[in-house]
Every structure is written in structure tokens, then in C-alpha cells.
Protein backbone atom coordinates (compact mmCIF):
# COMPACT_ATOMS: atom_id res chain seq x y z
CA GLY A 1 1.88 -20.53 -9.55
CA GLY A 2 1.60 -22.56 -6.47
CA SER A 3 4.85 -22.26 -4.33
CA THR A 4 5.83 -18.94 -6.06
CA ILE A 5 2.76 -17.04 -5.03
CA THR A 6 3.95 -15.92 -1.65
CA THR A 7 7.51 -15.36 -2.55
CA THR A 8 6.24 -12.98 -5.64
CA ILE A 9 3.69 -10.94 -3.56
CA PHE A 10 6.48 -10.51 -0.76
CA GLN A 11 8.89 -9.32 -3.32
CA VAL A 12 6.27 -7.01 -5.00
CA LEU A 13 5.01 -5.49 -1.33
CA THR A 14 8.74 -5.27 -0.02
CA GLN A 15 9.95 -3.15 -3.15
CA LEU A 16 6.84 -1.16 -2.62
CA ILE A 17 6.81 -0.42 1.04
CA ASP A 18 10.33 -0.82 2.38
CA TYR A 19 12.11 0.47 -0.76
CA ASN A 20 9.54 3.01 -2.09
CA PHE A 21 9.67 1.56 -5.65
CA SER A 22 7.09 2.56 -8.10
CA LEU A 23 4.14 -0.29 -8.86
CA PHE A 24 5.73 -0.40 -11.90
CA ASP A 25 9.21 -1.15 -11.25
CA ALA A 26 8.23 -3.45 -8.14
CA ILE A 27 6.26 -5.73 -10.80
CA GLN A 28 8.77 -5.57 -13.74
CA ASN A 29 12.01 -6.12 -11.51
CA PRO A 30 13.37 -9.60 -11.77
CA ARG A 31 12.39 -12.19 -8.94
CA PHE A 32 13.88 -14.96 -7.04
CA HIS A 33 12.44 -17.90 -5.25
CA HIS A 34 13.79 -20.75 -2.64
CA GLN A 35 11.51 -23.58 -1.97
CA TRP A 36 13.36 -25.90 -0.01
CA PRO A 37 13.25 -28.94 -0.94
CA PRO A 38 14.72 -28.41 -3.19
CA ASP A 39 17.44 -26.70 -1.42
CA ARG A 40 18.04 -24.29 -4.22
CA ILE A 41 17.55 -20.79 -5.37
CA ASP A 42 15.76 -20.06 -8.59
CA PHE A 43 16.30 -17.13 -10.11
CA GLU A 44 15.11 -15.04 -13.28
CA LYS A 45 17.64 -13.57 -15.53
CA ASP A 46 19.25 -10.63 -14.45
CA CYS A 47 18.04 -10.94 -10.94
CA PHE A 48 21.67 -11.42 -9.27
CA SER A 49 24.96 -9.91 -10.58
CA ILE A 50 27.58 -12.15 -11.33
CA GLU A 51 29.40 -11.31 -8.47
CA THR A 52 26.16 -11.89 -5.95
CA GLN A 53 25.84 -15.37 -7.75
CA LYS A 54 29.48 -16.12 -6.78
CA LYS A 55 29.17 -15.28 -3.22
CA LEU A 56 26.03 -16.99 -2.82
CA GLN A 57 27.52 -20.38 -4.36
CA GLU A 58 30.86 -19.89 -2.06
CA MET A 59 28.21 -19.79 0.85
CA GLY A 60 27.10 -23.33 -0.47
CA HIS A 61 23.86 -22.09 -2.22
CA GLN A 62 22.89 -23.99 -5.46
CA LEU A 63 21.57 -21.61 -8.14
CA ARG A 64 19.49 -21.95 -11.07
CA GLU A 65 18.32 -19.64 -13.67
CA ARG A 66 14.58 -20.31 -14.74
CA GLU A 67 11.62 -18.93 -16.64
CA PRO A 68 9.53 -16.23 -15.10
CA ILE A 69 8.47 -16.33 -11.65
CA GLY A 70 4.92 -15.03 -11.07
CA ARG A 71 2.76 -12.87 -12.47
CA VAL A 72 1.47 -10.03 -10.58
CA ASP A 73 -1.52 -7.35 -12.22
CA ALA A 74 -2.27 -4.61 -9.68
CA ILE A 75 -4.05 -1.49 -9.32
CA GLN A 76 -2.53 1.30 -6.81
CA VAL A 77 -4.88 3.96 -5.59
CA LEU A 78 -2.52 7.08 -4.83
CA PRO A 79 -2.89 9.85 -2.39
CA ASN A 80 -4.41 12.19 -5.07
CA ARG A 81 -6.91 9.19 -5.63
CA LYS A 82 -5.61 8.60 -9.15
CA LYS A 83 -5.32 4.97 -10.07
CA VAL A 84 -2.12 3.31 -11.61
CA GLY A 85 -2.45 -0.04 -13.19
CA VAL A 86 0.27 -2.24 -14.15
CA GLY A 87 0.28 -5.45 -16.06
CA ASP A 88 3.15 -7.83 -15.55
CA ARG A 89 5.64 -8.32 -18.42
CA ARG A 90 5.74 -11.96 -17.77
CA GLY A 91 2.32 -12.74 -19.25
CA ASP A 92 -0.29 -11.23 -21.60
CA ASP A 93 -2.00 -9.77 -18.67
CA SER A 94 -3.27 -6.17 -18.15
CA ALA A 95 -4.50 -3.77 -15.48
CA SER A 96 -6.63 -0.44 -16.10
CA GLY A 97 -7.34 2.19 -14.01
CA ALA A 98 -6.65 6.01 -14.81
CA ILE A 99 -3.16 5.62 -16.01
CA VAL A 100 -2.04 2.09 -17.13
CA TYR A 101 1.69 1.38 -17.73
CA LEU A 102 2.20 -1.32 -20.43
CA VAL A 103 5.32 -3.16 -21.41
CA ARG A 104 5.82 -4.03 -25.16
CA GLN A 105 8.96 -5.34 -26.41
CA GLY A 106 10.64 -3.96 -23.27
CA LYS A 107 9.37 -0.46 -23.39
CA GLN A 108 6.98 1.07 -20.93
CA ILE A 109 3.96 2.81 -22.39
CA LYS A 110 1.74 5.15 -20.52
CA VAL A 111 -1.93 4.70 -21.43
CA ARG A 112 -4.80 7.00 -19.97
CA CYS A 113 -7.86 5.01 -19.48
CA LYS A 114 -11.37 6.01 -19.20
């Protein structure tokens, strides 16, 4: 919660707006967080490649892999007015709309809702 909320929302919105990711991918992708202090980059598993981790450490950054960062549930209204709801794999949350993407045991499941 608390200090990671802004980081989480920023990363999801950046992936949606700047990189044109789907809502599903933007929410499910690994995240990182820097709070200063502590002067350390916390990151989820698979967020950074080994090469990126080494480069960050060479630049003097301290790194720490940690448990999930933030949880986002969202409903996106598409240009055709359909809604896409996405529940974050990091929790037991859900979102509902015309189409809902759920993640169960690492697999994306598409469900139509009424």
C-alpha cells in the first residue's frame, strides 16, 4: 500500500499511454519501486534482466527482489464503448465489465459478463 501506490499507478498508466500495452499486460507486468530512503530499488521477480541488474549495480544502485508491489483492478472503456475489466494477479481481486480477463495459475482466461 502506502508508498507504492503512486509508483504502481504511474507504471500502469505509462505502459497504457506511452507504450500502448493492453490493460491486461499493463496490470500484470512486473513492477519496481524506489522510495529514498531507503536508497534502494525494490523489484518483483522477472522485472529486470540479469544484465539490467548488473548495470544498475555498477551505477551504484542497491537492489532487492521482493514480494508483489501494489495491486490494481481496473475497467477500461474502449473506443467502441465496450468495457474490459482486469483483476491483478497479485491478489484475489476481480474486476467486471463486458469482458473480464482473469489470471488463474499463470494463464489468462477471457470471460464474458452480463
